[in-house]
Every structure is written in C-alpha cells, then in structure tokens.
C-alpha cells in the first residue's frame, strides 16, 4: 500500500493518511485482514510525527475500517464489507464537503441525510 501526503494541502495530514487507506481498500490494493505499517515506521517514511499517523489510524478505527491492537499494530477489519464501507465513507466525506460548500450546517446536512434515508 502506498502512502502519500501533501504538507501544503489544507487537509490535515492525519486525514490524508486515513484517505490513503480508504482509497486502497476501495480500489482493491489493500484487503481485509491486511496489516498496516507500524505508526512509527510510517511516520518516519512520510516525515511526519508519529501522533499524526496515530490520528489517521484512530479516525479509521472510528469508521470501523481497522482494528488497533496494542503490541500488534493496526489491521484492516477482516470481512468482505471493509472495501464497501471504505467506498461509502469516502462518498459521505465528499457529500459533507459539498454540503459545506453550499453553506449547509452540519445539522442541516444530517437532516438532509435522514430525509434521503426515509
């Protein structure tokens, strides 16, 4: 899996790291059950702080895409739904970004999503 970050981007580095994993899951270059690089190792290779990598990994854990195990590292959640979930999370992030560009508040976006689901 290839990780790339752009320090000049307005997107926080941790979010860029999380996006790399989501993209790899979505395009099939990473698979459920695969182990992610150790945070310290990835931080060294990207030239970022280890806490930046951990923030990205934490976001992925919150999204249900990876498991963090003390002493064993980060593992993409086993099961066939991880790639589909990664694609969905990416689409939701794009939709949230579009909503902000349109001037919608977070509450208005969530209400719109509820309307669509109904």
PDB file of N, CA and C in Angstrom:
ATOM      1  N   UNK A   1       0.856  -1.166   0.000  1.00  0.00           N
ATOM      2  CA  UNK A   1       0.000   0.000   0.000  1.00  0.00           C
ATOM      3  C   UNK A   1       0.903   1.230   0.000  1.00  0.00           C
ATOM      4  N   UNK A   2       0.553   2.191  -0.836  1.00  0.00           N
ATOM      5  CA  UNK A   2       1.349   3.392  -0.971  1.00  0.00           C
ATOM      6  C   UNK A   2       0.707   4.535  -0.195  1.00  0.00           C
ATOM      7  N   UNK A   3       1.486   5.181   0.663  1.00  0.00           N
ATOM      8  CA  UNK A   3       1.012   6.317   1.427  1.00  0.00           C
ATOM      9  C   UNK A   3       1.673   7.573   0.880  1.00  0.00           C
ATOM     10  N   UNK A   4       0.872   8.583   0.600  1.00  0.00           N
ATOM     11  CA  UNK A   4       1.388   9.881   0.169  1.00  0.00           C
ATOM     12  C   UNK A   4       0.648  10.965   0.924  1.00  0.00           C
ATOM     13  N   UNK A   5       1.392  11.967   1.361  1.00  0.00           N
ATOM     14  CA  UNK A   5       0.778  13.126   1.998  1.00  0.00           C
ATOM     15  C   UNK A   5       1.340  14.384   1.355  1.00  0.00           C
ATOM     16  N   UNK A   6       0.542  15.434   1.389  1.00  0.00           N
ATOM     17  CA  UNK A   6       0.943  16.727   0.849  1.00  0.00           C
ATOM     18  C   UNK A   6       0.904  17.740   1.989  1.00  0.00           C
ATOM     19  N   UNK A   7       2.064  18.101   2.533  1.00  0.00           N
ATOM     20  CA  UNK A   7       2.089  19.055   3.646  1.00  0.00           C
ATOM     21  C   UNK A   7       1.491  20.421   3.294  1.00  0.00           C
ATOM     22  N   UNK A   8       1.434  20.759   2.015  1.00  0.00           N
ATOM     23  CA  UNK A   8       0.894  22.053   1.598  1.00  0.00           C
ATOM     24  C   UNK A   8      -0.634  22.034   1.490  1.00  0.00           C
ATOM     25  N   UNK A   9      -1.235  20.861   1.569  1.00  0.00           N
ATOM     26  CA  UNK A   9      -2.681  20.730   1.439  1.00  0.00           C
ATOM     27  C   UNK A   9      -3.394  21.285   2.670  1.00  0.00           C
ATOM     28  N   UNK A  10      -4.615  21.758   2.449  1.00  0.00           N
ATOM     29  CA  UNK A  10      -5.441  22.230   3.564  1.00  0.00           C
ATOM     30  C   UNK A  10      -5.993  21.063   4.377  1.00  0.00           C
ATOM     31  N   UNK A  11      -5.962  19.857   3.811  1.00  0.00           N
ATOM     32  CA  UNK A  11      -6.451  18.666   4.509  1.00  0.00           C
ATOM     33  C   UNK A  11      -5.404  18.245   5.531  1.00  0.00           C
ATOM     34  N   UNK A  12      -5.797  18.058   6.792  1.00  0.00           N
ATOM     35  CA  UNK A  12      -4.837  17.629   7.815  1.00  0.00           C
ATOM     36  C   UNK A  12      -4.131  16.341   7.413  1.00  0.00           C
ATOM     37  N   UNK A  13      -2.864  16.227   7.797  1.00  0.00           N
ATOM     38  CA  UNK A  13      -2.049  15.072   7.418  1.00  0.00           C
ATOM     39  C   UNK A  13      -2.655  13.750   7.891  1.00  0.00           C
ATOM     40  N   UNK A  14      -3.192  13.725   9.096  1.00  0.00           N
ATOM     41  CA  UNK A  14      -3.822  12.503   9.601  1.00  0.00           C
ATOM     42  C   UNK A  14      -4.992  12.073   8.731  1.00  0.00           C
ATOM     43  N   UNK A  15      -5.768  13.053   8.259  1.00  0.00           N
ATOM     44  CA  UNK A  15      -6.889  12.741   7.369  1.00  0.00           C
ATOM     45  C   UNK A  15      -6.381  12.241   6.015  1.00  0.00           C
ATOM     46  N   UNK A  16      -5.258  12.772   5.556  1.00  0.00           N
ATOM     47  CA  UNK A  16      -4.675  12.298   4.303  1.00  0.00           C
ATOM     48  C   UNK A  16      -4.222  10.844   4.433  1.00  0.00           C
ATOM     49  N   UNK A  17      -3.651  10.506   5.572  1.00  0.00           N
ATOM     50  CA  UNK A  17      -3.213   9.128   5.814  1.00  0.00           C
ATOM     51  C   UNK A  17      -4.423   8.197   5.822  1.00  0.00           C
ATOM     52  N   UNK A  18      -5.483   8.602   6.501  1.00  0.00           N
ATOM     53  CA  UNK A  18      -6.706   7.798   6.536  1.00  0.00           C
ATOM     54  C   UNK A  18      -7.277   7.644   5.125  1.00  0.00           C
ATOM     55  N   UNK A  19      -7.227   8.710   4.334  1.00  0.00           N
ATOM     56  CA  UNK A  19      -7.746   8.660   2.966  1.00  0.00           C
ATOM     57  C   UNK A  19      -6.949   7.682   2.111  1.00  0.00           C
ATOM     58  N   UNK A  20      -5.650   7.574   2.354  1.00  0.00           N
ATOM     59  CA  UNK A  20      -4.827   6.607   1.610  1.00  0.00           C
ATOM     60  C   UNK A  20      -5.320   5.186   1.857  1.00  0.00           C
ATOM     61  N   UNK A  21      -5.634   4.878   3.103  1.00  0.00           N
ATOM     62  CA  UNK A  21      -6.106   3.530   3.432  1.00  0.00           C
ATOM     63  C   UNK A  21      -7.488   3.303   2.839  1.00  0.00           C
ATOM     64  N   UNK A  22      -8.384   4.299   2.963  1.00  0.00           N
ATOM     65  CA  UNK A  22      -9.718   4.163   2.377  1.00  0.00           C
ATOM     66  C   UNK A  22      -9.627   3.931   0.874  1.00  0.00           C
ATOM     67  N   UNK A  23      -8.778   4.704   0.209  1.00  0.00           N
ATOM     68  CA  UNK A  23      -8.613   4.561  -1.235  1.00  0.00           C
ATOM     69  C   UNK A  23      -8.071   3.197  -1.616  1.00  0.00           C
ATOM     70  N   UNK A  24      -7.101   2.708  -0.845  1.00  0.00           N
ATOM     71  CA  UNK A  24      -6.523   1.394  -1.126  1.00  0.00           C
ATOM     72  C   UNK A  24      -7.556   0.288  -0.941  1.00  0.00           C
ATOM     73  N   UNK A  25      -8.410   0.433   0.057  1.00  0.00           N
ATOM     74  CA  UNK A  25      -9.483  -0.543   0.263  1.00  0.00           C
ATOM     75  C   UNK A  25     -10.480  -0.477  -0.884  1.00  0.00           C
ATOM     76  N   UNK A  26     -10.835   0.730  -1.266  1.00  0.00           N
ATOM     77  CA  UNK A  26     -11.842   0.910  -2.308  1.00  0.00           C
ATOM     78  C   UNK A  26     -11.369   0.389  -3.663  1.00  0.00           C
ATOM     79  N   UNK A  27     -10.078   0.567  -3.975  1.00  0.00           N
ATOM     80  CA  UNK A  27      -9.593   0.125  -5.288  1.00  0.00           C
ATOM     81  C   UNK A  27      -9.020  -1.296  -5.274  1.00  0.00           C
ATOM     82  N   UNK A  28      -9.029  -1.934  -4.114  1.00  0.00           N
ATOM     83  CA  UNK A  28      -8.604  -3.326  -4.032  1.00  0.00           C
ATOM     84  C   UNK A  28      -7.120  -3.541  -3.819  1.00  0.00           C
ATOM     85  N   UNK A  29      -6.335  -2.468  -3.679  1.00  0.00           N
ATOM     86  CA  UNK A  29      -4.903  -2.651  -3.458  1.00  0.00           C
ATOM     87  C   UNK A  29      -4.585  -3.004  -2.006  1.00  0.00           C
ATOM     88  N   UNK A  30      -5.567  -2.879  -1.128  1.00  0.00           N
ATOM     89  CA  UNK A  30      -5.461  -3.367   0.254  1.00  0.00           C
ATOM     90  C   UNK A  30      -6.680  -4.254   0.503  1.00  0.00           C
ATOM     91  N   UNK A  31      -6.481  -5.266   1.305  1.00  0.00           N
ATOM     92  CA  UNK A  31      -7.563  -6.221   1.527  1.00  0.00           C
ATOM     93  C   UNK A  31      -7.846  -6.407   3.003  1.00  0.00           C
ATOM     94  N   UNK A  32      -9.075  -6.814   3.326  1.00  0.00           N
ATOM     95  CA  UNK A  32      -9.404  -7.120   4.717  1.00  0.00           C
ATOM     96  C   UNK A  32      -8.426  -8.134   5.285  1.00  0.00           C
ATOM     97  N   UNK A  33      -8.033  -7.909   6.524  1.00  0.00           N
ATOM     98  CA  UNK A  33      -7.091  -8.792   7.198  1.00  0.00           C
ATOM     99  C   UNK A  33      -5.645  -8.341   7.050  1.00  0.00           C
ATOM    100  N   UNK A  34      -5.387  -7.413   6.142  1.00  0.00           N
ATOM    101  CA  UNK A  34      -4.021  -6.932   5.911  1.00  0.00           C
ATOM    102  C   UNK A  34      -3.568  -6.034   7.062  1.00  0.00           C
ATOM    103  N   UNK A  35      -2.306  -6.155   7.411  1.00  0.00           N
ATOM    104  CA  UNK A  35      -1.722  -5.352   8.486  1.00  0.00           C
ATOM    105  C   UNK A  35      -1.196  -4.041   7.896  1.00  0.00           C
ATOM    106  N   UNK A  36      -1.457  -2.945   8.588  1.00  0.00           N
ATOM    107  CA  UNK A  36      -0.935  -1.637   8.179  1.00  0.00           C
ATOM    108  C   UNK A  36       0.461  -1.450   8.768  1.00  0.00           C
ATOM    109  N   UNK A  37       1.253  -0.576   8.170  1.00  0.00           N
ATOM    110  CA  UNK A  37       2.590  -0.326   8.723  1.00  0.00           C
ATOM    111  C   UNK A  37       2.503   0.192  10.158  1.00  0.00           C
ATOM    112  N   UNK A  38       3.511  -0.111  10.946  1.00  0.00           N
ATOM    113  CA  UNK A  38       3.575   0.413  12.307  1.00  0.00           C
ATOM    114  C   UNK A  38       3.581   1.940  12.239  1.00  0.00           C
ATOM    115  N   UNK A  39       2.940   2.580  13.193  1.00  0.00           N
ATOM    116  CA  UNK A  39       2.811   4.037  13.179  1.00  0.00           C
ATOM    117  C   UNK A  39       4.170   4.723  13.139  1.00  0.00           C
ATOM    118  N   UNK A  40       5.097   4.256  13.924  1.00  0.00           N
ATOM    119  CA  UNK A  40       6.430   4.872  13.968  1.00  0.00           C
ATOM    120  C   UNK A  40       7.146   4.724  12.622  1.00  0.00           C
ATOM    121  N   UNK A  41       7.034   3.541  12.034  1.00  0.00           N
ATOM    122  CA  UNK A  41       7.666   3.261  10.740  1.00  0.00           C
ATOM    123  C   UNK A  41       7.070   4.152   9.637  1.00  0.00           C
ATOM    124  N   UNK A  42       5.736   4.256   9.626  1.00  0.00           N
ATOM    125  CA  UNK A  42       5.069   5.084   8.620  1.00  0.00           C
ATOM    126  C   UNK A  42       5.399   6.555   8.823  1.00  0.00           C
ATOM    127  N   UNK A  43       5.427   6.994  10.080  1.00  0.00           N
ATOM    128  CA  UNK A  43       5.770   8.392  10.371  1.00  0.00           C
ATOM    129  C   UNK A  43       7.171   8.712   9.861  1.00  0.00           C
ATOM    130  N   UNK A  44       8.117   7.822  10.102  1.00  0.00           N
ATOM    131  CA  UNK A  44       9.489   8.037   9.630  1.00  0.00           C
ATOM    132  C   UNK A  44       9.542   8.115   8.109  1.00  0.00           C
ATOM    133  N   UNK A  45       8.824   7.226   7.425  1.00  0.00           N
ATOM    134  CA  UNK A  45       8.884   7.205   5.962  1.00  0.00           C
ATOM    135  C   UNK A  45       8.201   8.418   5.337  1.00  0.00           C
ATOM    136  N   UNK A  46       7.179   8.967   6.022  1.00  0.00           N
ATOM    137  CA  UNK A  46       6.473  10.140   5.493  1.00  0.00           C
ATOM    138  C   UNK A  46       7.070  11.454   5.988  1.00  0.00           C
ATOM    139  N   UNK A  47       7.923  11.380   7.002  1.00  0.00           N
ATOM    140  CA  UNK A  47       8.496  12.590   7.567  1.00  0.00           C
ATOM    141  C   UNK A  47       7.506  13.387   8.399  1.00  0.00           C
ATOM    142  N   UNK A  48       6.616  12.659   9.097  1.00  0.00           N
ATOM    143  CA  UNK A  48       5.631  13.309   9.957  1.00  0.00           C
ATOM    144  C   UNK A  48       5.776  12.779  11.379  1.00  0.00           C
ATOM    145  N   UNK A  49       5.084  13.420  12.302  1.00  0.00           N
ATOM    146  CA  UNK A  49       5.085  13.000  13.692  1.00  0.00           C
ATOM    147  C   UNK A  49       4.282  11.712  13.849  1.00  0.00           C
ATOM    148  N   UNK A  50       4.710  10.840  14.737  1.00  0.00           N
ATOM    149  CA  UNK A  50       4.010   9.576  14.954  1.00  0.00           C
ATOM    150  C   UNK A  50       2.569   9.810  15.403  1.00  0.00           C
ATOM    151  N   UNK A  51       2.308  10.894  16.126  1.00  0.00           N
ATOM    152  CA  UNK A  51       0.945  11.195  16.579  1.00  0.00           C
ATOM    153  C   UNK A  51       0.033  11.544  15.403  1.00  0.00           C
ATOM    154  N   UNK A  52       0.610  12.077  14.339  1.00  0.00           N
ATOM    155  CA  UNK A  52      -0.158  12.370  13.131  1.00  0.00           C
ATOM    156  C   UNK A  52      -0.663  11.069  12.513  1.00  0.00           C
ATOM    157  N   UNK A  53       0.203  10.083  12.431  1.00  0.00           N
ATOM    158  CA  UNK A  53      -0.190   8.775  11.902  1.00  0.00           C
ATOM    159  C   UNK A  53      -1.245   8.155  12.813  1.00  0.00           C
ATOM    160  N   UNK A  54      -1.037   8.242  14.104  1.00  0.00           N
ATOM    161  CA  UNK A  54      -1.995   7.663  15.052  1.00  0.00           C
ATOM    162  C   UNK A  54      -3.359   8.331  14.949  1.00  0.00           C
ATOM    163  N   UNK A  55      -3.401   9.643  14.665  1.00  0.00           N
ATOM    164  CA  UNK A  55      -4.684  10.333  14.461  1.00  0.00           C
ATOM    165  C   UNK A  55      -5.400   9.756  13.236  1.00  0.00           C
ATOM    166  N   UNK A  56      -4.646   9.527  12.167  1.00  0.00           N
ATOM    167  CA  UNK A  56      -5.245   8.918  10.974  1.00  0.00           C
ATOM    168  C   UNK A  56      -5.761   7.527  11.257  1.00  0.00           C
ATOM    169  N   UNK A  57      -4.972   6.728  11.954  1.00  0.00           N
ATOM    170  CA  UNK A  57      -5.393   5.378  12.305  1.00  0.00           C
ATOM    171  C   UNK A  57      -6.615   5.406  13.229  1.00  0.00           C
ATOM    172  N   UNK A  58      -6.646   6.354  14.153  1.00  0.00           N
ATOM    173  CA  UNK A  58      -7.784   6.463  15.069  1.00  0.00           C
ATOM    174  C   UNK A  58      -9.062   6.779  14.296  1.00  0.00           C
ATOM    175  N   UNK A  59      -8.957   7.670  13.315  1.00  0.00           N
ATOM    176  CA  UNK A  59     -10.130   8.005  12.505  1.00  0.00           C
ATOM    177  C   UNK A  59     -10.641   6.749  11.781  1.00  0.00           C
ATOM    178  N   UNK A  60      -9.736   5.958  11.237  1.00  0.00           N
ATOM    179  CA  UNK A  60     -10.131   4.722  10.553  1.00  0.00           C
ATOM    180  C   UNK A  60     -10.776   3.735  11.518  1.00  0.00           C
ATOM    181  N   UNK A  61     -10.284   3.691  12.756  1.00  0.00           N
ATOM    182  CA  UNK A  61     -10.883   2.821  13.764  1.00  0.00           C
ATOM    183  C   UNK A  61     -12.306   3.277  14.070  1.00  0.00           C
ATOM    184  N   UNK A  62     -12.493   4.590  14.200  1.00  0.00           N
ATOM    185  CA  UNK A  62     -13.823   5.142  14.476  1.00  0.00           C
ATOM    186  C   UNK A  62     -14.798   4.838  13.336  1.00  0.00           C
ATOM    187  N   UNK A  63     -14.277   4.752  12.118  1.00  0.00           N
ATOM    188  CA  UNK A  63     -15.105   4.449  10.951  1.00  0.00           C
ATOM    189  C   UNK A  63     -15.357   2.953  10.811  1.00  0.00           C
ATOM    190  N   UNK A  64     -14.736   2.153  11.673  1.00  0.00           N
ATOM    191  CA  UNK A  64     -14.934   0.709  11.635  1.00  0.00           C
ATOM    192  C   UNK A  64     -14.131   0.003  10.554  1.00  0.00           C
ATOM    193  N   UNK A  65     -13.086   0.665  10.032  1.00  0.00           N
ATOM    194  CA  UNK A  65     -12.300   0.077   8.951  1.00  0.00           C
ATOM    195  C   UNK A  65     -11.073  -0.679   9.432  1.00  0.00           C
ATOM    196  N   UNK A  66     -10.535  -0.310  10.590  1.00  0.00           N
ATOM    197  CA  UNK A  66      -9.363  -1.011  11.112  1.00  0.00           C
ATOM    198  C   UNK A  66      -9.559  -1.329  12.586  1.00  0.00           C
ATOM    199  N   UNK A  67      -8.773  -2.285  13.045  1.00  0.00           N
ATOM    200  CA  UNK A  67      -8.698  -2.614  14.467  1.00  0.00           C
ATOM    201  C   UNK A  67      -7.305  -2.220  14.937  1.00  0.00           C
ATOM    202  N   UNK A  68      -7.224  -1.592  16.083  1.00  0.00           N
ATOM    203  CA  UNK A  68      -5.931  -1.260  16.686  1.00  0.00           C
ATOM    204  C   UNK A  68      -5.728  -2.200  17.863  1.00  0.00           C
ATOM    205  N   UNK A  69      -4.623  -2.928  17.827  1.00  0.00           N
ATOM    206  CA  UNK A  69      -4.326  -3.881  18.889  1.00  0.00           C
ATOM    207  C   UNK A  69      -2.981  -3.540  19.504  1.00  0.00           C
ATOM    208  N   UNK A  70      -2.997  -3.306  20.793  1.00  0.00           N
ATOM    209  CA  UNK A  70      -1.762  -2.955  21.497  1.00  0.00           C
ATOM    210  C   UNK A  70      -0.715  -4.046  21.280  1.00  0.00           C
ATOM    211  N   UNK A  71       0.432  -3.624  20.815  1.00  0.00           N
ATOM    212  CA  UNK A  71       1.526  -4.547  20.596  1.00  0.00           C
ATOM    213  C   UNK A  71       1.460  -5.319  19.285  1.00  0.00           C
ATOM    214  N   UNK A  72       0.304  -5.248  18.603  1.00  0.00           N
ATOM    215  CA  UNK A  72       0.152  -5.984  17.346  1.00  0.00           C
ATOM    216  C   UNK A  72      -0.089  -5.063  16.169  1.00  0.00           C
ATOM    217  N   UNK A  73      -0.327  -3.781  16.438  1.00  0.00           N
ATOM    218  CA  UNK A  73      -0.484  -2.811  15.363  1.00  0.00           C
ATOM    219  C   UNK A  73      -1.901  -2.679  14.852  1.00  0.00           C
ATOM    220  N   UNK A  74      -1.978  -2.146  13.642  1.00  0.00           N
ATOM    221  CA  UNK A  74      -3.265  -1.866  13.002  1.00  0.00           C
ATOM    222  C   UNK A  74      -3.541  -2.906  11.933  1.00  0.00           C
ATOM    223  N   UNK A  75      -4.770  -3.395  11.916  1.00  0.00           N
ATOM    224  CA  UNK A  75      -5.179  -4.443  10.996  1.00  0.00           C
ATOM    225  C   UNK A  75      -6.486  -4.023  10.338  1.00  0.00           C
ATOM    226  N   UNK A  76      -6.550  -4.132   9.008  1.00  0.00           N
ATOM    227  CA  UNK A  76      -7.807  -3.853   8.318  1.00  0.00           C
ATOM    228  C   UNK A  76      -8.818  -4.889   8.773  1.00  0.00           C
ATOM    229  N   UNK A  77     -10.006  -4.428   9.107  1.00  0.00           N
ATOM    230  CA  UNK A  77     -11.032  -5.301   9.656  1.00  0.00           C
ATOM    231  C   UNK A  77     -11.277  -6.472   8.710  1.00  0.00           C
ATOM    232  N   UNK A  78     -11.158  -7.690   9.229  1.00  0.00           N
ATOM    233  CA  UNK A  78     -11.430  -8.861   8.385  1.00  0.00           C
ATOM    234  C   UNK A  78     -12.899  -8.886   7.964  1.00  0.00           C
ATOM    235  N   UNK A  79     -13.163  -9.384   6.800  1.00  0.00           N
ATOM    236  CA  UNK A  79     -14.534  -9.490   6.303  1.00  0.00           C
ATOM    237  C   UNK A  79     -14.678  -8.792   4.972  1.00  0.00           C
ATOM    238  N   UNK A  80     -15.662  -9.189   4.245  1.00  0.00           N
ATOM    239  CA  UNK A  80     -15.837  -8.697   2.888  1.00  0.00           C
ATOM    240  C   UNK A  80     -16.397  -7.283   2.821  1.00  0.00           C
ATOM    241  N   UNK A  81     -16.890  -6.731   3.926  1.00  0.00           N
ATOM    242  CA  UNK A  81     -17.548  -5.432   3.853  1.00  0.00           C
ATOM    243  C   UNK A  81     -16.593  -4.249   3.961  1.00  0.00           C
ATOM    244  N   UNK A  82     -15.350  -4.453   4.351  1.00  0.00           N
ATOM    245  CA  UNK A  82     -14.424  -3.327   4.541  1.00  0.00           C
ATOM    246  C   UNK A  82     -14.251  -2.482   3.283  1.00  0.00           C
ATOM    247  N   UNK A  83     -14.042  -3.065   2.092  1.00  0.00           N
ATOM    248  CA  UNK A  83     -13.906  -2.218   0.898  1.00  0.00           C
ATOM    249  C   UNK A  83     -15.176  -1.420   0.602  1.00  0.00           C
ATOM    250  N   UNK A  84     -16.337  -2.051   0.754  1.00  0.00           N
ATOM    251  CA  UNK A  84     -17.597  -1.347   0.514  1.00  0.00           C
ATOM    252  C   UNK A  84     -17.785  -0.216   1.519  1.00  0.00           C
ATOM    253  N   UNK A  85     -17.442  -0.490   2.758  1.00  0.00           N
ATOM    254  CA  UNK A  85     -17.558   0.525   3.800  1.00  0.00           C
ATOM    255  C   UNK A  85     -16.605   1.691   3.516  1.00  0.00           C
ATOM    256  N   UNK A  86     -15.405   1.392   3.052  1.00  0.00           N
ATOM    257  CA  UNK A  86     -14.439   2.440   2.720  1.00  0.00           C
ATOM    258  C   UNK A  86     -14.971   3.334   1.601  1.00  0.00           C
ATOM    259  N   UNK A  87     -15.573   2.715   0.579  1.00  0.00           N
ATOM    260  CA  UNK A  87     -16.152   3.499  -0.514  1.00  0.00           C
ATOM    261  C   UNK A  87     -17.279   4.387  -0.003  1.00  0.00           C
ATOM    262  N   UNK A  88     -18.116   3.837   0.866  1.00  0.00           N
ATOM    263  CA  UNK A  88     -19.228   4.604   1.421  1.00  0.00           C
ATOM    264  C   UNK A  88     -18.723   5.779   2.247  1.00  0.00           C
ATOM    265  N   UNK A  89     -17.732   5.545   3.095  1.00  0.00           N
ATOM    266  CA  UNK A  89     -17.171   6.629   3.915  1.00  0.00           C
ATOM    267  C   UNK A  89     -16.596   7.721   3.018  1.00  0.00           C
ATOM    268  N   UNK A  90     -15.904   7.339   1.953  1.00  0.00           N
ATOM    269  CA  UNK A  90     -15.344   8.333   1.029  1.00  0.00           C
ATOM    270  C   UNK A  90     -16.453   9.156   0.383  1.00  0.00           C
ATOM    271  N   UNK A  91     -17.513   8.499  -0.023  1.00  0.00           N
ATOM    272  CA  UNK A  91     -18.638   9.225  -0.635  1.00  0.00           C
ATOM    273  C   UNK A  91     -19.311  10.159   0.364  1.00  0.00           C
ATOM    274  N   UNK A  92     -19.463   9.692   1.598  1.00  0.00           N
ATOM    275  CA  UNK A  92     -20.071  10.541   2.618  1.00  0.00           C
ATOM    276  C   UNK A  92     -19.208  11.772   2.904  1.00  0.00           C
ATOM    277  N   UNK A  93     -17.886  11.596   2.916  1.00  0.00           N
ATOM    278  CA  UNK A  93     -16.993  12.736   3.116  1.00  0.00           C
ATOM    279  C   UNK A  93     -17.125  13.735   1.975  1.00  0.00           C
ATOM    280  N   UNK A  94     -17.237  13.236   0.758  1.00  0.00           N
ATOM    281  CA  UNK A  94     -17.422  14.122  -0.393  1.00  0.00           C
ATOM    282  C   UNK A  94     -18.747  14.866  -0.276  1.00  0.00           C
ATOM    283  N   UNK A  95     -19.800  14.161   0.108  1.00  0.00           N
ATOM    284  CA  UNK A  95     -21.107  14.789   0.259  1.00  0.00           C
ATOM    285  C   UNK A  95     -21.077  15.852   1.355  1.00  0.00           C
ATOM    286  N   UNK A  96     -20.396  15.562   2.462  1.00  0.00           N
ATOM    287  CA  UNK A  96     -20.286  16.542   3.547  1.00  0.00           C
ATOM    288  C   UNK A  96     -19.511  17.767   3.079  1.00  0.00           C
ATOM    289  N   UNK A  97     -18.475  17.557   2.307  1.00  0.00           N
ATOM    290  CA  UNK A  97     -17.692  18.670   1.769  1.00  0.00           C
ATOM    291  C   UNK A  97     -18.553  19.517   0.824  1.00  0.00           C
ATOM    292  N   UNK A  98     -19.318  18.852  -0.035  1.00  0.00           N
ATOM    293  CA  UNK A  98     -20.214  19.572  -0.945  1.00  0.00           C
ATOM    294  C   UNK A  98     -21.243  20.383  -0.161  1.00  0.00           C
ATOM    295  N   UNK A  99     -21.779  19.792   0.899  1.00  0.00           N
ATOM    296  CA  UNK A  99     -22.780  20.486   1.715  1.00  0.00           C
ATOM    297  C   UNK A  99     -22.186  21.742   2.349  1.00  0.00           C
ATOM    298  N   UNK A 100     -20.959  21.639   2.824  1.00  0.00           N
ATOM    299  CA  UNK A 100     -20.308  22.816   3.418  1.00  0.00           C
ATOM    300  C   UNK A 100     -20.082  23.905   2.380  1.00  0.00           C
ATOM    301  N   UNK A 101     -19.701  23.491   1.167  1.00  0.00           N
ATOM    302  CA  UNK A 101     -19.510  24.465   0.086  1.00  0.00           C
ATOM    303  C   UNK A 101     -20.809  25.179  -0.251  1.00  0.00           C
ATOM    304  N   UNK A 102     -21.936  24.483  -0.072  1.00  0.00           N
ATOM    305  CA  UNK A 102     -23.242  25.080  -0.313  1.00  0.00           C
ATOM    306  C   UNK A 102     -23.733  25.917   0.865  1.00  0.00           C
ATOM    307  N   UNK A 103     -22.970  25.893   1.955  1.00  0.00           N
ATOM    308  CA  UNK A 103     -23.322  26.694   3.117  1.00  0.00           C
ATOM    309  C   UNK A 103     -24.219  25.992   4.118  1.00  0.00           C
ATOM    310  N   UNK A 104     -24.429  24.690   3.959  1.00  0.00           N
ATOM    311  CA  UNK A 104     -25.252  23.962   4.917  1.00  0.00           C
ATOM    312  C   UNK A 104     -24.467  23.720   6.203  1.00  0.00           C
ATOM    313  N   UNK A 105     -25.165  23.799   7.317  1.00  0.00           N
ATOM    314  CA  UNK A 105     -24.541  23.461   8.594  1.00  0.00           C
ATOM    315  C   UNK A 105     -24.492  21.945   8.718  1.00  0.00           C
ATOM    316  N   UNK A 106     -23.732  21.472   9.694  1.00  0.00           N
ATOM    317  CA  UNK A 106     -23.660  20.029   9.917  1.00  0.00           C
ATOM    318  C   UNK A 106     -25.043  19.465  10.239  1.00  0.00           C
ATOM    319  N   UNK A 107     -25.810  20.204  11.031  1.00  0.00           N
ATOM    320  CA  UNK A 107     -27.153  19.749  11.404  1.00  0.00           C
ATOM    321  C   UNK A 107     -28.059  19.677  10.184  1.00  0.00           C
ATOM    322  N   UNK A 108     -27.964  20.657   9.286  1.00  0.00           N
ATOM    323  CA  UNK A 108     -28.775  20.635   8.073  1.00  0.00           C
ATOM    324  C   UNK A 108     -28.383  19.458   7.176  1.00  0.00           C
ATOM    325  N   UNK A 109     -27.090  19.168   7.117  1.00  0.00           N
ATOM    326  CA  UNK A 109     -26.628  18.031   6.319  1.00  0.00           C
ATOM    327  C   UNK A 109     -27.170  16.720   6.883  1.00  0.00           C
ATOM    328  N   UNK A 110     -27.074  16.556   8.194  1.00  0.00           N
ATOM    329  CA  UNK A 110     -27.573  15.328   8.827  1.00  0.00           C
ATOM    330  C   UNK A 110     -29.080  15.198   8.607  1.00  0.00           C
ATOM    331  N   UNK A 111     -29.816  16.290   8.718  1.00  0.00           N
ATOM    332  CA  UNK A 111     -31.257  16.253   8.497  1.00  0.00           C
ATOM    333  C   UNK A 111     -31.573  15.890   7.049  1.00  0.00           C
ATOM    334  N   UNK A 112     -30.798  16.418   6.122  1.00  0.00           N
ATOM    335  CA  UNK A 112     -30.971  16.065   4.715  1.00  0.00           C
ATOM    336  C   UNK A 112     -30.706  14.582   4.490  1.00  0.00           C
ATOM    337  N   UNK A 113     -29.682  14.063   5.130  1.00  0.00           N
ATOM    338  CA  UNK A 113     -29.359  12.637   5.020  1.00  0.00           C
ATOM    339  C   UNK A 113     -30.510  11.792   5.587  1.00  0.00           C
ATOM    340  N   UNK A 114     -31.092  12.223   6.699  1.00  0.00           N
ATOM    341  CA  UNK A 114     -32.213  11.492   7.283  1.00  0.00           C
ATOM    342  C   UNK A 114     -33.414  11.485   6.331  1.00  0.00           C
ATOM    343  N   UNK A 115     -33.632  12.617   5.666  1.00  0.00           N
ATOM    344  CA  UNK A 115     -34.725  12.716   4.705  1.00  0.00           C
ATOM    345  C   UNK A 115     -34.503  11.739   3.558  1.00  0.00           C
ATOM    346  N   UNK A 116     -33.271  11.686   3.073  1.00  0.00           N
ATOM    347  CA  UNK A 116     -32.961  10.771   1.967  1.00  0.00           C
ATOM    348  C   UNK A 116     -33.149   9.318   2.408  1.00  0.00           C
ATOM    349  N   UNK A 117     -32.742   9.001   3.631  1.00  0.00           N
ATOM    350  CA  UNK A 117     -32.886   7.630   4.133  1.00  0.00           C
ATOM    351  C   UNK A 117     -34.340   7.226   4.306  1.00  0.00           C
ATOM    352  N   UNK A 118     -35.190   8.194   4.616  1.00  0.00           N
ATOM    353  CA  UNK A 118     -36.614   7.893   4.817  1.00  0.00           C
ATOM    354  C   UNK A 118     -37.255   7.675   3.480  1.00  0.00           C
TER     355      UNK A 118
END
